[in-house]
PDB file of N, CA and C in Angstrom:
ATOM      1  N   MET A   1      73.782 242.160  94.171  1.00  0.00           N
ATOM      2  CA  MET A   1      74.634 241.137  93.617  1.00  0.00           C
ATOM      3  C   MET A   1      76.089 241.564  93.803  1.00  0.00           C
ATOM      4  N   GLU A   2      76.903 240.642  94.258  1.00  0.00           N
ATOM      5  CA  GLU A   2      78.315 240.928  94.448  1.00  0.00           C
ATOM      6  C   GLU A   2      79.139 240.173  93.417  1.00  0.00           C
ATOM      7  N   TYR A   3      80.214 240.793  93.023  1.00  0.00           N
ATOM      8  CA  TYR A   3      81.121 240.173  92.075  1.00  0.00           C
ATOM      9  C   TYR A   3      82.449 239.903  92.759  1.00  0.00           C
ATOM     10  N   GLU A   4      83.078 238.825  92.339  1.00  0.00           N
ATOM     11  CA  GLU A   4      84.402 238.532  92.869  1.00  0.00           C
ATOM     12  C   GLU A   4      85.392 239.580  92.389  1.00  0.00           C
ATOM     13  N   LYS A   5      86.400 239.790  93.206  1.00  0.00           N
ATOM     14  CA  LYS A   5      87.479 240.689  92.815  1.00  0.00           C
ATOM     15  C   LYS A   5      88.219 240.056  91.636  1.00  0.00           C
ATOM     16  N   PRO A   6      88.496 240.816  90.599  1.00  0.00           N
ATOM     17  CA  PRO A   6      89.216 240.236  89.457  1.00  0.00           C
ATOM     18  C   PRO A   6      90.551 239.656  89.899  1.00  0.00           C
ATOM     19  N   THR A   7      90.947 238.564  89.271  1.00  0.00           N
ATOM     20  CA  THR A   7      92.232 237.965  89.617  1.00  0.00           C
ATOM     21  C   THR A   7      93.354 238.881  89.156  1.00  0.00           C
ATOM     22  N   GLU A   8      94.464 238.760  89.832  1.00  0.00           N
ATOM     23  CA  GLU A   8      95.613 239.589  89.488  1.00  0.00           C
ATOM     24  C   GLU A   8      96.211 239.116  88.175  1.00  0.00           C
ATOM     25  N   ARG A   9      96.816 240.036  87.476  1.00  0.00           N
ATOM     26  CA  ARG A   9      97.493 239.678  86.231  1.00  0.00           C
ATOM     27  C   ARG A   9      98.727 238.862  86.570  1.00  0.00           C
ATOM     28  N   PRO A  10      99.032 237.856  85.757  1.00  0.00           N
ATOM     29  CA  PRO A  10     100.230 237.058  86.038  1.00  0.00           C
ATOM     30  C   PRO A  10     101.486 237.907  85.916  1.00  0.00           C
ATOM     31  N   GLU A  11     102.456 237.591  86.776  1.00  0.00           N
ATOM     32  CA  GLU A  11     103.709 238.335  86.728  1.00  0.00           C
ATOM     33  C   GLU A  11     104.515 237.979  85.487  1.00  0.00           C
ATOM     34  N   ILE A  12     104.292 236.795  84.991  1.00  0.00           N
ATOM     35  CA  ILE A  12     105.051 236.323  83.833  1.00  0.00           C
ATOM     36  C   ILE A  12     104.118 236.187  82.632  1.00  0.00           C
ATOM     37  N   GLY A  13     104.699 236.204  81.475  1.00  0.00           N
ATOM     38  CA  GLY A  13     103.923 235.979  80.267  1.00  0.00           C
ATOM     39  C   GLY A  13     103.180 237.218  79.817  1.00  0.00           C
ATOM     40  N   LYS A  14     103.009 237.315  78.540  1.00  0.00           N
ATOM     41  CA  LYS A  14     102.325 238.468  77.973  1.00  0.00           C
ATOM     42  C   LYS A  14     101.502 238.008  76.776  1.00  0.00           C
ATOM     43  N   PHE A  15     100.249 238.426  76.745  1.00  0.00           N
ATOM     44  CA  PHE A  15      99.378 238.163  75.608  1.00  0.00           C
ATOM     45  C   PHE A  15      99.852 239.015  74.440  1.00  0.00           C
ATOM     46  N   LEU A  16     100.069 238.389  73.285  1.00  0.00           N
ATOM     47  CA  LEU A  16     100.523 239.128  72.110  1.00  0.00           C
ATOM     48  C   LEU A  16      99.417 239.310  71.080  1.00  0.00           C
ATOM     49  N   ALA A  17      98.607 238.268  70.874  1.00  0.00           N
ATOM     50  CA  ALA A  17      97.569 238.352  69.841  1.00  0.00           C
ATOM     51  C   ALA A  17      96.653 237.140  69.926  1.00  0.00           C
ATOM     52  N   PHE A  18      95.524 237.231  69.234  1.00  0.00           N
ATOM     53  CA  PHE A  18      94.711 236.046  68.996  1.00  0.00           C
ATOM     54  C   PHE A  18      95.390 235.277  67.876  1.00  0.00           C
ATOM     55  N   ASP A  19      95.553 233.975  68.036  1.00  0.00           N
ATOM     56  CA  ASP A  19      96.166 233.173  66.985  1.00  0.00           C
ATOM     57  C   ASP A  19      95.105 232.699  66.000  1.00  0.00           C
ATOM     58  N   HIS A  20      94.081 231.999  66.515  1.00  0.00           N
ATOM     59  CA  HIS A  20      93.004 231.544  65.638  1.00  0.00           C
ATOM     60  C   HIS A  20      91.771 231.172  66.452  1.00  0.00           C
ATOM     61  N   LEU A  21      90.655 231.053  65.758  1.00  0.00           N
ATOM     62  CA  LEU A  21      89.423 230.512  66.322  1.00  0.00           C
ATOM     63  C   LEU A  21      89.176 229.166  65.664  1.00  0.00           C
ATOM     64  N   ARG A  22      88.842 228.149  66.474  1.00  0.00           N
ATOM     65  CA  ARG A  22      88.484 226.843  65.920  1.00  0.00           C
ATOM     66  C   ARG A  22      86.977 226.644  66.094  1.00  0.00           C
ATOM     67  N   PHE A  23      86.311 226.333  64.995  1.00  0.00           N
ATOM     68  CA  PHE A  23      84.882 226.059  64.998  1.00  0.00           C
ATOM     69  C   PHE A  23      84.661 224.563  64.837  1.00  0.00           C
ATOM     70  N   TRP A  24      83.733 223.990  65.594  1.00  0.00           N
ATOM     71  CA  TRP A  24      83.255 222.637  65.334  1.00  0.00           C
ATOM     72  C   TRP A  24      81.974 222.797  64.529  1.00  0.00           C
ATOM     73  N   VAL A  25      81.958 222.222  63.341  1.00  0.00           N
ATOM     74  CA  VAL A  25      80.834 222.391  62.420  1.00  0.00           C
ATOM     75  C   VAL A  25      80.437 221.050  61.815  1.00  0.00           C
ATOM     76  N   GLY A  26      79.227 220.991  61.287  1.00  0.00           N
ATOM     77  CA  GLY A  26      78.745 219.774  60.654  1.00  0.00           C
ATOM     78  C   GLY A  26      79.436 219.465  59.342  1.00  0.00           C
ATOM     79  N   ASN A  27      79.907 220.499  58.627  1.00  0.00           N
ATOM     80  CA  ASN A  27      80.571 220.301  57.338  1.00  0.00           C
ATOM     81  C   ASN A  27      81.684 221.342  57.197  1.00  0.00           C
ATOM     82  N   ALA A  28      82.913 220.935  57.507  1.00  0.00           N
ATOM     83  CA  ALA A  28      84.052 221.862  57.504  1.00  0.00           C
ATOM     84  C   ALA A  28      84.340 222.418  56.113  1.00  0.00           C
ATOM     85  N   LYS A  29      84.237 221.585  55.102  1.00  0.00           N
ATOM     86  CA  LYS A  29      84.524 222.035  53.734  1.00  0.00           C
ATOM     87  C   LYS A  29      83.532 223.116  53.308  1.00  0.00           C
ATOM     88  N   GLN A  30      82.275 222.896  53.597  1.00  0.00           N
ATOM     89  CA  GLN A  30      81.240 223.864  53.223  1.00  0.00           C
ATOM     90  C   GLN A  30      81.403 225.173  53.999  1.00  0.00           C
ATOM     91  N   ALA A  31      81.711 225.087  55.278  1.00  0.00           N
ATOM     92  CA  ALA A  31      81.896 226.295  56.087  1.00  0.00           C
ATOM     93  C   ALA A  31      83.072 227.113  55.570  1.00  0.00           C
ATOM     94  N   ALA A  32      84.203 226.450  55.290  1.00  0.00           N
ATOM     95  CA  ALA A  32      85.377 227.157  54.770  1.00  0.00           C
ATOM     96  C   ALA A  32      85.076 227.764  53.408  1.00  0.00           C
ATOM     97  N   SER A  33      84.354 227.034  52.578  1.00  0.00           N
ATOM     98  CA  SER A  33      83.999 227.520  51.246  1.00  0.00           C
ATOM     99  C   SER A  33      83.142 228.784  51.327  1.00  0.00           C
ATOM    100  N   PHE A  34      82.227 228.831  52.278  1.00  0.00           N
ATOM    101  CA  PHE A  34      81.379 230.006  52.450  1.00  0.00           C
ATOM    102  C   PHE A  34      82.230 231.247  52.725  1.00  0.00           C
ATOM    103  N   TYR A  35      83.179 231.140  53.657  1.00  0.00           N
ATOM    104  CA  TYR A  35      84.020 232.288  54.009  1.00  0.00           C
ATOM    105  C   TYR A  35      84.985 232.662  52.888  1.00  0.00           C
ATOM    106  N   THR A  36      85.480 231.679  52.141  1.00  0.00           N
ATOM    107  CA  THR A  36      86.406 232.001  51.052  1.00  0.00           C
ATOM    108  C   THR A  36      85.673 232.661  49.889  1.00  0.00           C
ATOM    109  N   SER A  37      84.469 232.207  49.596  1.00  0.00           N
ATOM    110  CA  SER A  37      83.751 232.762  48.443  1.00  0.00           C
ATOM    111  C   SER A  37      83.071 234.095  48.740  1.00  0.00           C
ATOM    112  N   ARG A  38      82.750 234.360  50.002  1.00  0.00           N
ATOM    113  CA  ARG A  38      81.996 235.569  50.314  1.00  0.00           C
ATOM    114  C   ARG A  38      82.800 236.663  51.017  1.00  0.00           C
ATOM    115  N   PHE A  39      83.857 236.277  51.719  1.00  0.00           N
ATOM    116  CA  PHE A  39      84.579 237.257  52.528  1.00  0.00           C
ATOM    117  C   PHE A  39      86.058 237.359  52.193  1.00  0.00           C
ATOM    118  N   GLY A  40      86.486 236.731  51.117  1.00  0.00           N
ATOM    119  CA  GLY A  40      87.863 236.884  50.664  1.00  0.00           C
ATOM    120  C   GLY A  40      88.911 236.098  51.435  1.00  0.00           C
ATOM    121  N   PHE A  41      88.505 235.119  52.229  1.00  0.00           N
ATOM    122  CA  PHE A  41      89.483 234.270  52.912  1.00  0.00           C
ATOM    123  C   PHE A  41      90.133 233.337  51.900  1.00  0.00           C
ATOM    124  N   GLU A  42      91.332 232.869  52.228  1.00  0.00           N
ATOM    125  CA  GLU A  42      92.036 231.893  51.393  1.00  0.00           C
ATOM    126  C   GLU A  42      92.359 230.677  52.241  1.00  0.00           C
ATOM    127  N   GLU A  43      92.210 229.482  51.646  1.00  0.00           N
ATOM    128  CA  GLU A  43      92.553 228.268  52.383  1.00  0.00           C
ATOM    129  C   GLU A  43      94.064 228.161  52.486  1.00  0.00           C
ATOM    130  N   VAL A  44      94.556 227.934  53.714  1.00  0.00           N
ATOM    131  CA  VAL A  44      96.001 227.866  53.944  1.00  0.00           C
ATOM    132  C   VAL A  44      96.454 226.511  54.461  1.00  0.00           C
ATOM    133  N   ALA A  45      95.533 225.687  54.949  1.00  0.00           N
ATOM    134  CA  ALA A  45      95.929 224.366  55.450  1.00  0.00           C
ATOM    135  C   ALA A  45      94.727 223.434  55.442  1.00  0.00           C
ATOM    136  N   TYR A  46      95.038 222.153  55.361  1.00  0.00           N
ATOM    137  CA  TYR A  46      93.998 221.125  55.380  1.00  0.00           C
ATOM    138  C   TYR A  46      94.543 219.906  56.099  1.00  0.00           C
ATOM    139  N   GLN A  47      93.691 219.265  56.885  1.00  0.00           N
ATOM    140  CA  GLN A  47      94.032 217.997  57.515  1.00  0.00           C
ATOM    141  C   GLN A  47      92.811 217.103  57.418  1.00  0.00           C
ATOM    142  N   GLY A  48      93.013 215.884  56.953  1.00  0.00           N
ATOM    143  CA  GLY A  48      91.906 214.949  56.804  1.00  0.00           C
ATOM    144  C   GLY A  48      92.425 213.592  56.381  1.00  0.00           C
ATOM    145  N   LEU A  49      91.549 212.782  55.792  1.00  0.00           N
ATOM    146  CA  LEU A  49      91.938 211.435  55.376  1.00  0.00           C
ATOM    147  C   LEU A  49      93.143 211.438  54.443  1.00  0.00           C
ATOM    148  N   GLU A  50      93.202 212.422  53.541  1.00  0.00           N
ATOM    149  CA  GLU A  50      94.299 212.478  52.568  1.00  0.00           C
ATOM    150  C   GLU A  50      95.649 212.750  53.218  1.00  0.00           C
ATOM    151  N   THR A  51      95.633 213.316  54.416  1.00  0.00           N
ATOM    152  CA  THR A  51      96.889 213.615  55.118  1.00  0.00           C
ATOM    153  C   THR A  51      97.159 212.618  56.244  1.00  0.00           C
ATOM    154  N   GLY A  52      96.323 211.596  56.350  1.00  0.00           N
ATOM    155  CA  GLY A  52      96.526 210.561  57.362  1.00  0.00           C
ATOM    156  C   GLY A  52      95.703 210.723  58.627  1.00  0.00           C
ATOM    157  N   GLU A  53      94.935 211.783  58.736  1.00  0.00           N
ATOM    158  CA  GLU A  53      94.076 212.000  59.915  1.00  0.00           C
ATOM    159  C   GLU A  53      92.790 211.204  59.738  1.00  0.00           C
ATOM    160  N   ARG A  54      92.460 210.353  60.690  1.00  0.00           N
ATOM    161  CA  ARG A  54      91.290 209.490  60.566  1.00  0.00           C
ATOM    162  C   ARG A  54      90.091 209.925  61.410  1.00  0.00           C
ATOM    163  N   ASP A  55      90.300 210.853  62.332  1.00  0.00           N
ATOM    164  CA  ASP A  55      89.211 211.229  63.235  1.00  0.00           C
ATOM    165  C   ASP A  55      88.533 212.551  62.894  1.00  0.00           C
ATOM    166  N   PHE A  56      89.318 213.524  62.436  1.00  0.00           N
ATOM    167  CA  PHE A  56      88.765 214.849  62.160  1.00  0.00           C
ATOM    168  C   PHE A  56      89.238 215.369  60.809  1.00  0.00           C
ATOM    169  N   CYS A  57      88.438 216.231  60.218  1.00  0.00           N
ATOM    170  CA  CYS A  57      88.798 216.935  58.986  1.00  0.00           C
ATOM    171  C   CYS A  57      88.781 218.425  59.327  1.00  0.00           C
ATOM    172  N   THR A  58      89.875 219.123  59.022  1.00  0.00           N
ATOM    173  CA  THR A  58      89.970 220.549  59.342  1.00  0.00           C
ATOM    174  C   THR A  58      90.421 221.340  58.128  1.00  0.00           C
ATOM    175  N   HIS A  59      89.703 222.407  57.830  1.00  0.00           N
ATOM    176  CA  HIS A  59      90.076 223.367  56.791  1.00  0.00           C
ATOM    177  C   HIS A  59      90.432 224.667  57.502  1.00  0.00           C
ATOM    178  N   VAL A  60      91.647 225.181  57.254  1.00  0.00           N
ATOM    179  CA  VAL A  60      92.104 226.423  57.877  1.00  0.00           C
ATOM    180  C   VAL A  60      92.145 227.502  56.809  1.00  0.00           C
ATOM    181  N   ILE A  61      91.529 228.649  57.112  1.00  0.00           N
ATOM    182  CA  ILE A  61      91.482 229.756  56.159  1.00  0.00           C
ATOM    183  C   ILE A  61      92.025 231.015  56.822  1.00  0.00           C
ATOM    184  N   ARG A  62      92.482 231.944  55.982  1.00  0.00           N
ATOM    185  CA  ARG A  62      93.080 233.187  56.498  1.00  0.00           C
ATOM    186  C   ARG A  62      92.641 234.364  55.631  1.00  0.00           C
ATOM    187  N   ASN A  63      92.452 235.505  56.305  1.00  0.00           N
ATOM    188  CA  ASN A  63      92.241 236.777  55.638  1.00  0.00           C
ATOM    189  C   ASN A  63      93.004 237.806  56.461  1.00  0.00           C
ATOM    190  N   GLY A  64      94.188 238.188  55.982  1.00  0.00           N
ATOM    191  CA  GLY A  64      95.045 239.082  56.761  1.00  0.00           C
ATOM    192  C   GLY A  64      95.510 238.378  58.020  1.00  0.00           C
ATOM    193  N   ASP A  65      95.247 238.990  59.173  1.00  0.00           N
ATOM    194  CA  ASP A  65      95.642 238.403  60.453  1.00  0.00           C
ATOM    195  C   ASP A  65      94.580 237.480  61.039  1.00  0.00           C
ATOM    196  N   ILE A  66      93.453 237.352  60.371  1.00  0.00           N
ATOM    197  CA  ILE A  66      92.353 236.538  60.895  1.00  0.00           C
ATOM    198  C   ILE A  66      92.499 235.112  60.384  1.00  0.00           C
ATOM    199  N   VAL A  67      92.570 234.162  61.315  1.00  0.00           N
ATOM    200  CA  VAL A  67      92.700 232.746  60.966  1.00  0.00           C
ATOM    201  C   VAL A  67      91.542 231.991  61.610  1.00  0.00           C
ATOM    202  N   LEU A  68      90.807 231.251  60.776  1.00  0.00           N
ATOM    203  CA  LEU A  68      89.693 230.435  61.240  1.00  0.00           C
ATOM    204  C   LEU A  68      89.962 228.988  60.856  1.00  0.00           C
ATOM    205  N   ALA A  69      89.695 228.064  61.769  1.00  0.00           N
ATOM    206  CA  ALA A  69      89.842 226.635  61.505  1.00  0.00           C
ATOM    207  C   ALA A  69      88.476 225.986  61.690  1.00  0.00           C
ATOM    208  N   PHE A  70      87.991 225.315  60.652  1.00  0.00           N
ATOM    209  CA  PHE A  70      86.699 224.633  60.701  1.00  0.00           C
ATOM    210  C   PHE A  70      86.955 223.136  60.769  1.00  0.00           C
ATOM    211  N   THR A  71      86.445 222.493  61.808  1.00  0.00           N
ATOM    212  CA  THR A  71      86.699 221.078  62.047  1.00  0.00           C
ATOM    213  C   THR A  71      85.386 220.318  62.109  1.00  0.00           C
ATOM    214  N   THR A  72      85.376 219.138  61.483  1.00  0.00           N
ATOM    215  CA  THR A  72      84.245 218.226  61.587  1.00  0.00           C
ATOM    216  C   THR A  72      84.778 216.827  61.850  1.00  0.00           C
ATOM    217  N   ALA A  73      83.999 216.018  62.536  1.00  0.00           N
ATOM    218  CA  ALA A  73      84.406 214.642  62.819  1.00  0.00           C
ATOM    219  C   ALA A  73      84.198 213.787  61.577  1.00  0.00           C
ATOM    220  N   ILE A  74      85.145 212.892  61.327  1.00  0.00           N
ATOM    221  CA  ILE A  74      85.031 211.970  60.198  1.00  0.00           C
ATOM    222  C   ILE A  74      84.236 210.734  60.616  1.00  0.00           C
ATOM    223  N   GLN A  75      84.492 210.246  61.818  1.00  0.00           N
ATOM    224  CA  GLN A  75      83.841 209.029  62.309  1.00  0.00           C
ATOM    225  C   GLN A  75      82.480 209.359  62.927  1.00  0.00           C
ATOM    226  N   PRO A  76      81.426 208.660  62.510  1.00  0.00           N
ATOM    227  CA  PRO A  76      80.094 208.953  63.040  1.00  0.00           C
ATOM    228  C   PRO A  76      79.938 208.619  64.525  1.00  0.00           C
ATOM    229  N   GLY A  77      80.826 207.810  65.091  1.00  0.00           N
ATOM    230  CA  GLY A  77      80.711 207.426  66.493  1.00  0.00           C
ATOM    231  C   GLY A  77      81.378 208.378  67.464  1.00  0.00           C
ATOM    232  N   ASN A  78      81.802 209.547  67.015  1.00  0.00           N
ATOM    233  CA  ASN A  78      82.483 210.494  67.898  1.00  0.00           C
ATOM    234  C   ASN A  78      81.436 211.197  68.770  1.00  0.00           C
ATOM    235  N   SER A  79      81.179 210.619  69.948  1.00  0.00           N
ATOM    236  CA  SER A  79      80.088 211.117  70.789  1.00  0.00           C
ATOM    237  C   SER A  79      80.349 212.516  71.346  1.00  0.00           C
ATOM    238  N   GLU A  80      81.610 212.840  71.653  1.00  0.00           N
ATOM    239  CA  GLU A  80      81.900 214.188  72.166  1.00  0.00           C
ATOM    240  C   GLU A  80      81.561 215.238  71.110  1.00  0.00           C
ATOM    241  N   PHE A  81      82.039 215.027  69.882  1.00  0.00           N
ATOM    242  CA  PHE A  81      81.812 215.995  68.812  1.00  0.00           C
ATOM    243  C   PHE A  81      80.322 216.115  68.493  1.00  0.00           C
ATOM    244  N   TYR A  82      79.684 214.979  68.200  1.00  0.00           N
ATOM    245  CA  TYR A  82      78.290 215.045  67.770  1.00  0.00           C
ATOM    246  C   TYR A  82      77.343 215.423  68.907  1.00  0.00           C
ATOM    247  N   GLY A  83      77.705 215.089  70.147  1.00  0.00           N
ATOM    248  CA  GLY A  83      76.905 215.536  71.286  1.00  0.00           C
ATOM    249  C   GLY A  83      76.920 217.048  71.409  1.00  0.00           C
ATOM    250  N   GLU A  84      78.103 217.616  71.257  1.00  0.00           N
ATOM    251  CA  GLU A  84      78.248 219.082  71.316  1.00  0.00           C
ATOM    252  C   GLU A  84      77.492 219.738  70.156  1.00  0.00           C
ATOM    253  N   LEU A  85      77.630 219.166  68.970  1.00  0.00           N
ATOM    254  CA  LEU A  85      76.961 219.728  67.793  1.00  0.00           C
ATOM    255  C   LEU A  85      75.439 219.643  67.939  1.00  0.00           C
ATOM    256  N   GLU A  86      74.960 218.520  68.479  1.00  0.00           N
ATOM    257  CA  GLU A  86      73.521 218.351  68.659  1.00  0.00           C
ATOM    258  C   GLU A  86      72.976 219.332  69.695  1.00  0.00           C
ATOM    259  N   THR A  87      73.732 219.567  70.744  1.00  0.00           N
ATOM    260  CA  THR A  87      73.289 220.464  71.814  1.00  0.00           C
ATOM    261  C   THR A  87      73.392 221.934  71.429  1.00  0.00           C
ATOM    262  N   HIS A  88      74.510 222.308  70.791  1.00  0.00           N
ATOM    263  CA  HIS A  88      74.787 223.727  70.557  1.00  0.00           C
ATOM    264  C   HIS A  88      74.803 224.146  69.094  1.00  0.00           C
ATOM    265  N   GLY A  89      74.858 223.200  68.171  1.00  0.00           N
ATOM    266  CA  GLY A  89      74.987 223.548  66.760  1.00  0.00           C
ATOM    267  C   GLY A  89      76.411 223.963  66.441  1.00  0.00           C
ATOM    268  N   ASP A  90      76.640 224.422  65.214  1.00  0.00           N
ATOM    269  CA  ASP A  90      77.965 224.890  64.810  1.00  0.00           C
ATOM    270  C   ASP A  90      78.389 226.034  65.727  1.00  0.00           C
ATOM    271  N   GLY A  91      79.666 226.047  66.107  1.00  0.00           N
ATOM    272  CA  GLY A  91      80.116 227.141  66.958  1.00  0.00           C
ATOM    273  C   GLY A  91      81.590 227.062  67.284  1.00  0.00           C
ATOM    274  N   VAL A  92      82.065 228.077  67.982  1.00  0.00           N
ATOM    275  CA  VAL A  92      83.477 228.160  68.361  1.00  0.00           C
ATOM    276  C   VAL A  92      83.767 227.113  69.432  1.00  0.00           C
ATOM    277  N   LYS A  93      84.770 226.282  69.180  1.00  0.00           N
ATOM    278  CA  LYS A  93      85.201 225.275  70.152  1.00  0.00           C
ATOM    279  C   LYS A  93      86.327 225.808  71.020  1.00  0.00           C
ATOM    280  N   ASP A  94      87.276 226.509  70.413  1.00  0.00           N
ATOM    281  CA  ASP A  94      88.342 227.082  71.221  1.00  0.00           C
ATOM    282  C   ASP A  94      88.918 228.332  70.575  1.00  0.00           C
ATOM    283  N   VAL A  95      89.557 229.116  71.419  1.00  0.00           N
ATOM    284  CA  VAL A  95      90.228 230.344  71.004  1.00  0.00           C
ATOM    285  C   VAL A  95      91.697 230.168  71.364  1.00  0.00           C
ATOM    286  N   ALA A  96      92.577 230.338  70.395  1.00  0.00           N
ATOM    287  CA  ALA A  96      94.016 230.177  70.636  1.00  0.00           C
ATOM    288  C   ALA A  96      94.684 231.547  70.661  1.00  0.00           C
ATOM    289  N   PHE A  97      95.580 231.729  71.622  1.00  0.00           N
ATOM    290  CA  PHE A  97      96.297 232.988  71.795  1.00  0.00           C
ATOM    291  C   PHE A  97      97.774 232.800  71.484  1.00  0.00           C
ATOM    292  N   THR A  98      98.417 233.865  71.057  1.00  0.00           N
ATOM    293  CA  THR A  98      99.872 233.904  70.950  1.00  0.00           C
ATOM    294  C   THR A  98     100.373 234.637  72.188  1.00  0.00           C
ATOM    295  N   VAL A  99     101.301 234.003  72.910  1.00  0.00           N
ATOM    296  CA  VAL A  99     101.871 234.600  74.117  1.00  0.00           C
ATOM    297  C   VAL A  99     103.387 234.553  74.019  1.00  0.00           C
ATOM    298  N   ASP A 100     104.055 235.327  74.852  1.00  0.00           N
ATOM    299  CA  ASP A 100     105.518 235.366  74.764  1.00  0.00           C
ATOM    300  C   ASP A 100     106.198 234.209  75.491  1.00  0.00           C
ATOM    301  N   ASP A 101     105.505 233.548  76.427  1.00  0.00           N
ATOM    302  CA  ASP A 101     106.101 232.439  77.168  1.00  0.00           C
ATOM    303  C   ASP A 101     105.015 231.401  77.447  1.00  0.00           C
ATOM    304  N   ALA A 102     104.784 230.514  76.497  1.00  0.00           N
ATOM    305  CA  ALA A 102     103.681 229.555  76.590  1.00  0.00           C
ATOM    306  C   ALA A 102     103.830 228.622  77.788  1.00  0.00           C
ATOM    307  N   ARG A 103     105.023 228.150  78.052  1.00  0.00           N
ATOM    308  CA  ARG A 103     105.225 227.216  79.167  1.00  0.00           C
ATOM    309  C   ARG A 103     104.828 227.863  80.504  1.00  0.00           C
ATOM    310  N   SER A 104     105.308 229.059  80.753  1.00  0.00           N
ATOM    311  CA  SER A 104     104.985 229.746  82.012  1.00  0.00           C
ATOM    312  C   SER A 104     103.501 230.071  82.106  1.00  0.00           C
ATOM    313  N   MET A 105     102.907 230.477  80.997  1.00  0.00           N
ATOM    314  CA  MET A 105     101.475 230.784  80.997  1.00  0.00           C
ATOM    315  C   MET A 105     100.665 229.521  81.289  1.00  0.00           C
ATOM    316  N   HIS A 106     101.066 228.391  80.713  1.00  0.00           N
ATOM    317  CA  HIS A 106     100.378 227.123  80.962  1.00  0.00           C
ATOM    318  C   HIS A 106     100.488 226.740  82.435  1.00  0.00           C
ATOM    319  N   GLU A 107     101.692 226.816  82.990  1.00  0.00           N
ATOM    320  CA  GLU A 107     101.894 226.478  84.402  1.00  0.00           C
ATOM    321  C   GLU A 107     101.053 227.372  85.307  1.00  0.00           C
ATOM    322  N   LYS A 108     100.976 228.643  84.991  1.00  0.00           N
ATOM    323  CA  LYS A 108     100.180 229.582  85.789  1.00  0.00           C
ATOM    324  C   LYS A 108      98.693 229.231  85.692  1.00  0.00           C
ATOM    325  N   ALA A 109      98.222 228.923  84.499  1.00  0.00           N
ATOM    326  CA  ALA A 109      96.813 228.560  84.320  1.00  0.00           C
ATOM    327  C   ALA A 109      96.482 227.287  85.094  1.00  0.00           C
ATOM    328  N   VAL A 110      97.347 226.294  85.037  1.00  0.00           N
ATOM    329  CA  VAL A 110      97.127 225.038  85.760  1.00  0.00           C
ATOM    330  C   VAL A 110      97.111 225.290  87.266  1.00  0.00           C
ATOM    331  N   SER A 111      98.012 226.134  87.751  1.00  0.00           N
ATOM    332  CA  SER A 111      98.070 226.410  89.191  1.00  0.00           C
ATOM    333  C   SER A 111      96.814 227.122  89.689  1.00  0.00           C
ATOM    334  N   ARG A 112      96.132 227.823  88.801  1.00  0.00           N
ATOM    335  CA  ARG A 112      94.903 228.533  89.183  1.00  0.00           C
ATOM    336  C   ARG A 112      93.654 227.675  89.003  1.00  0.00           C
ATOM    337  N   GLY A 113      93.850 226.459  88.515  1.00  0.00           N
ATOM    338  CA  GLY A 113      92.719 225.545  88.369  1.00  0.00           C
ATOM    339  C   GLY A 113      92.053 225.673  87.055  1.00  0.00           C
TER     340      GLY A 113
END
């Protein structure tokens, strides 16, 4: 088995840290509550119907430098969300990074496909 040569590191931009993990879950409130009650996380942000968001509900929790965002769809017709949940179950949807030059890093990522 052969492996491709690793791509070169970009000349610009520098990875500084993980910013947060976003989970797509069936019940964002329950997932956040589990981590706050068992692992010492604290809720730091909320977005949902009460804040004017009509499509998704997100609870963001933090413990030190660790930030987790739990998101669930509000509308039952959200086929992308529920299709993913049905196929894979609750899980990480995206990983966000902190970088020193987001614009250049984005342009480099787009240029690489």
